[in-house]
Amino acid sequence: RLRPSVLDPAGEAIKSASVKLGVEGIKSLRIGKMIELKIEAEGESELRKKIDLLCDRLFANTVIEDYDYTLEKI
């Protein structure tokens, strides 16, 4: 997701359009992205290292975006 200090034109456009649909009361609306990943690793520590590397180098532009993730056992 975009860092709070970065303007989000898409979020503002949707917020504005929501009012035209009759949806009032939206105080803030920001657009982000979700990535689903299935990956194997030898333990949680290795798994987190792999995911952090992918997020930092490929999935997110860390200059303007923050990221977080959750792990689910399948």
N, C-alpha and C. Protein backbone atom coordinates (compact mmCIF):
# COMPACT_ATOMS: atom_id res chain seq x y z
N ARG A 1 0.85 -1.19 0.00
CA ARG A 1 0.00 0.00 0.00
C ARG A 1 0.88 1.23 0.00
N LEU A 2 0.33 2.33 -0.49
CA LEU A 2 1.09 3.57 -0.50
C LEU A 2 1.32 4.08 0.92
N ARG A 3 2.46 4.67 1.13
CA ARG A 3 2.75 5.27 2.42
C ARG A 3 1.80 6.45 2.64
N PRO A 4 1.51 6.76 3.90
CA PRO A 4 0.55 7.84 4.18
C PRO A 4 0.94 9.19 3.58
N SER A 5 2.22 9.45 3.41
CA SER A 5 2.66 10.74 2.88
C SER A 5 2.54 10.85 1.36
N VAL A 6 2.22 9.74 0.69
CA VAL A 6 2.13 9.72 -0.77
C VAL A 6 0.68 9.93 -1.20
N LEU A 7 0.47 10.86 -2.13
CA LEU A 7 -0.88 11.10 -2.64
C LEU A 7 -1.40 9.87 -3.37
N ASP A 8 -2.71 9.62 -3.25
CA ASP A 8 -3.34 8.47 -3.89
C ASP A 8 -4.48 8.97 -4.79
N PRO A 9 -4.18 9.33 -6.03
CA PRO A 9 -5.22 9.86 -6.92
C PRO A 9 -6.34 8.86 -7.18
N ALA A 10 -6.01 7.58 -7.29
CA ALA A 10 -7.06 6.57 -7.54
C ALA A 10 -8.01 6.49 -6.35
N GLY A 11 -7.46 6.51 -5.15
CA GLY A 11 -8.29 6.48 -3.95
C GLY A 11 -9.20 7.70 -3.86
N GLU A 12 -8.65 8.86 -4.18
CA GLU A 12 -9.45 10.09 -4.15
C GLU A 12 -10.55 10.07 -5.20
N ALA A 13 -10.26 9.53 -6.38
CA ALA A 13 -11.27 9.44 -7.44
C ALA A 13 -12.42 8.53 -7.02
N ILE A 14 -12.10 7.41 -6.41
CA ILE A 14 -13.14 6.48 -5.97
C ILE A 14 -13.93 7.08 -4.81
N LYS A 15 -13.23 7.77 -3.92
CA LYS A 15 -13.93 8.43 -2.81
C LYS A 15 -14.93 9.44 -3.35
N SER A 16 -14.53 10.22 -4.34
CA SER A 16 -15.41 11.22 -4.95
C SER A 16 -16.60 10.55 -5.66
N ALA A 17 -16.33 9.48 -6.39
CA ALA A 17 -17.39 8.76 -7.10
C ALA A 17 -18.37 8.11 -6.12
N SER A 18 -17.90 7.71 -4.95
CA SER A 18 -18.77 7.08 -3.95
C SER A 18 -19.88 8.02 -3.52
N VAL A 19 -19.54 9.29 -3.38
CA VAL A 19 -20.54 10.30 -3.00
C VAL A 19 -21.62 10.38 -4.06
N LYS A 20 -21.23 10.31 -5.32
CA LYS A 20 -22.20 10.35 -6.42
C LYS A 20 -23.12 9.14 -6.41
N LEU A 21 -22.66 8.03 -5.82
CA LEU A 21 -23.49 6.84 -5.68
C LEU A 21 -24.38 6.89 -4.44
N GLY A 22 -24.22 7.95 -3.66
CA GLY A 22 -25.03 8.09 -2.46
C GLY A 22 -24.39 7.52 -1.21
N VAL A 23 -23.12 7.16 -1.29
CA VAL A 23 -22.42 6.63 -0.12
C VAL A 23 -21.72 7.80 0.57
N GLU A 24 -22.24 8.20 1.71
CA GLU A 24 -21.70 9.33 2.46
C GLU A 24 -20.86 8.82 3.63
N GLY A 25 -20.01 9.68 4.14
CA GLY A 25 -19.31 9.39 5.38
C GLY A 25 -17.92 8.78 5.22
N ILE A 26 -17.44 8.61 4.00
CA ILE A 26 -16.10 8.05 3.82
C ILE A 26 -15.09 9.12 4.21
N LYS A 27 -14.31 8.86 5.23
CA LYS A 27 -13.32 9.82 5.72
C LYS A 27 -11.99 9.66 4.99
N SER A 28 -11.67 8.43 4.61
CA SER A 28 -10.39 8.17 3.94
C SER A 28 -10.55 6.91 3.10
N LEU A 29 -9.94 6.92 1.92
CA LEU A 29 -9.99 5.75 1.04
C LEU A 29 -8.67 5.70 0.28
N ARG A 30 -7.95 4.60 0.41
CA ARG A 30 -6.67 4.44 -0.27
C ARG A 30 -6.67 3.09 -0.97
N ILE A 31 -6.08 3.05 -2.13
CA ILE A 31 -6.04 1.84 -2.94
C ILE A 31 -4.70 1.13 -2.72
N GLY A 32 -4.74 -0.17 -2.60
CA GLY A 32 -3.53 -0.97 -2.44
C GLY A 32 -3.60 -2.18 -3.35
N LYS A 33 -2.69 -3.10 -3.15
CA LYS A 33 -2.71 -4.32 -3.93
C LYS A 33 -2.45 -5.50 -3.00
N MET A 34 -2.92 -6.65 -3.42
CA MET A 34 -2.71 -7.86 -2.66
C MET A 34 -2.06 -8.89 -3.58
N ILE A 35 -1.08 -9.57 -3.05
CA ILE A 35 -0.38 -10.62 -3.80
C ILE A 35 -0.54 -11.91 -3.00
N GLU A 36 -0.98 -12.96 -3.66
CA GLU A 36 -1.06 -14.28 -3.03
C GLU A 36 0.13 -15.09 -3.50
N LEU A 37 0.81 -15.72 -2.56
CA LEU A 37 2.03 -16.45 -2.87
C LEU A 37 2.02 -17.78 -2.12
N LYS A 38 2.31 -18.85 -2.82
CA LYS A 38 2.52 -20.15 -2.18
C LYS A 38 4.00 -20.47 -2.36
N ILE A 39 4.69 -20.72 -1.25
CA ILE A 39 6.14 -20.92 -1.29
C ILE A 39 6.53 -21.93 -0.21
N GLU A 40 7.57 -22.68 -0.49
CA GLU A 40 8.07 -23.66 0.48
C GLU A 40 9.35 -23.14 1.11
N ALA A 41 9.58 -23.53 2.38
CA ALA A 41 10.79 -23.14 3.09
C ALA A 41 11.03 -24.11 4.23
N GLU A 42 12.25 -24.14 4.69
CA GLU A 42 12.63 -24.97 5.85
C GLU A 42 12.46 -24.13 7.12
N GLY A 43 11.25 -23.99 7.57
CA GLY A 43 10.98 -23.25 8.79
C GLY A 43 10.52 -21.83 8.54
N GLU A 44 9.92 -21.25 9.58
CA GLU A 44 9.34 -19.91 9.46
C GLU A 44 10.39 -18.84 9.24
N SER A 45 11.55 -18.95 9.87
CA SER A 45 12.60 -17.95 9.71
C SER A 45 13.05 -17.85 8.26
N GLU A 46 13.30 -18.98 7.63
CA GLU A 46 13.70 -18.99 6.22
C GLU A 46 12.57 -18.46 5.33
N LEU A 47 11.36 -18.84 5.67
CA LEU A 47 10.20 -18.38 4.91
C LEU A 47 10.10 -16.86 4.96
N ARG A 48 10.22 -16.28 6.13
CA ARG A 48 10.15 -14.82 6.28
C ARG A 48 11.29 -14.13 5.53
N LYS A 49 12.48 -14.71 5.54
CA LYS A 49 13.60 -14.12 4.80
C LYS A 49 13.29 -14.10 3.31
N LYS A 50 12.75 -15.18 2.78
CA LYS A 50 12.41 -15.24 1.36
C LYS A 50 11.34 -14.21 1.01
N ILE A 51 10.30 -14.13 1.83
CA ILE A 51 9.20 -13.21 1.55
C ILE A 51 9.66 -11.76 1.67
N ASP A 52 10.45 -11.45 2.70
CA ASP A 52 10.96 -10.09 2.84
C ASP A 52 11.81 -9.69 1.63
N LEU A 53 12.64 -10.59 1.14
CA LEU A 53 13.46 -10.30 -0.03
C LEU A 53 12.58 -10.02 -1.26
N LEU A 54 11.57 -10.86 -1.48
CA LEU A 54 10.66 -10.66 -2.61
C LEU A 54 9.92 -9.33 -2.50
N CYS A 55 9.41 -9.05 -1.31
CA CYS A 55 8.66 -7.80 -1.11
C CYS A 55 9.56 -6.59 -1.33
N ASP A 56 10.74 -6.63 -0.75
CA ASP A 56 11.65 -5.50 -0.82
C ASP A 56 12.18 -5.24 -2.22
N ARG A 57 12.41 -6.30 -2.98
CA ARG A 57 13.05 -6.14 -4.28
C ARG A 57 12.10 -6.19 -5.48
N LEU A 58 10.96 -6.90 -5.32
CA LEU A 58 10.10 -7.13 -6.49
C LEU A 58 8.66 -6.67 -6.32
N PHE A 59 8.07 -6.93 -5.18
CA PHE A 59 6.63 -6.71 -5.03
C PHE A 59 6.27 -5.26 -4.70
N ALA A 60 7.12 -4.57 -3.95
CA ALA A 60 6.78 -3.23 -3.48
C ALA A 60 7.87 -2.24 -3.88
N ASN A 61 7.45 -1.03 -4.18
CA ASN A 61 8.39 0.07 -4.37
C ASN A 61 8.54 0.71 -2.99
N THR A 62 9.55 0.32 -2.24
CA THR A 62 9.66 0.71 -0.84
C THR A 62 9.96 2.19 -0.63
N VAL A 63 10.19 2.92 -1.70
CA VAL A 63 10.35 4.37 -1.58
C VAL A 63 9.00 5.01 -1.26
N ILE A 64 7.93 4.48 -1.86
CA ILE A 64 6.61 5.08 -1.67
C ILE A 64 5.58 4.12 -1.08
N GLU A 65 5.93 2.84 -0.92
CA GLU A 65 4.96 1.85 -0.44
C GLU A 65 5.47 1.13 0.80
N ASP A 66 4.53 0.78 1.67
CA ASP A 66 4.79 -0.11 2.80
C ASP A 66 4.18 -1.46 2.46
N TYR A 67 4.67 -2.49 3.08
CA TYR A 67 4.08 -3.81 2.87
C TYR A 67 3.99 -4.55 4.20
N ASP A 68 3.06 -5.46 4.24
CA ASP A 68 2.98 -6.42 5.34
C ASP A 68 2.44 -7.71 4.77
N TYR A 69 2.55 -8.76 5.53
CA TYR A 69 2.05 -10.05 5.06
C TYR A 69 1.63 -10.92 6.23
N THR A 70 0.81 -11.90 5.92
CA THR A 70 0.42 -12.89 6.90
C THR A 70 0.78 -14.26 6.35
N LEU A 71 1.12 -15.15 7.25
CA LEU A 71 1.45 -16.52 6.86
C LEU A 71 0.28 -17.43 7.20
N GLU A 72 -0.04 -18.30 6.26
CA GLU A 72 -1.09 -19.28 6.50
C GLU A 72 -0.53 -20.64 6.16
N LYS A 73 -0.74 -21.58 7.01
CA LYS A 73 -0.28 -22.95 6.76
C LYS A 73 -1.31 -23.64 5.87
N ILE A 74 -0.83 -24.27 4.80
CA ILE A 74 -1.76 -24.98 3.92
C ILE A 74 -1.46 -26.46 3.94
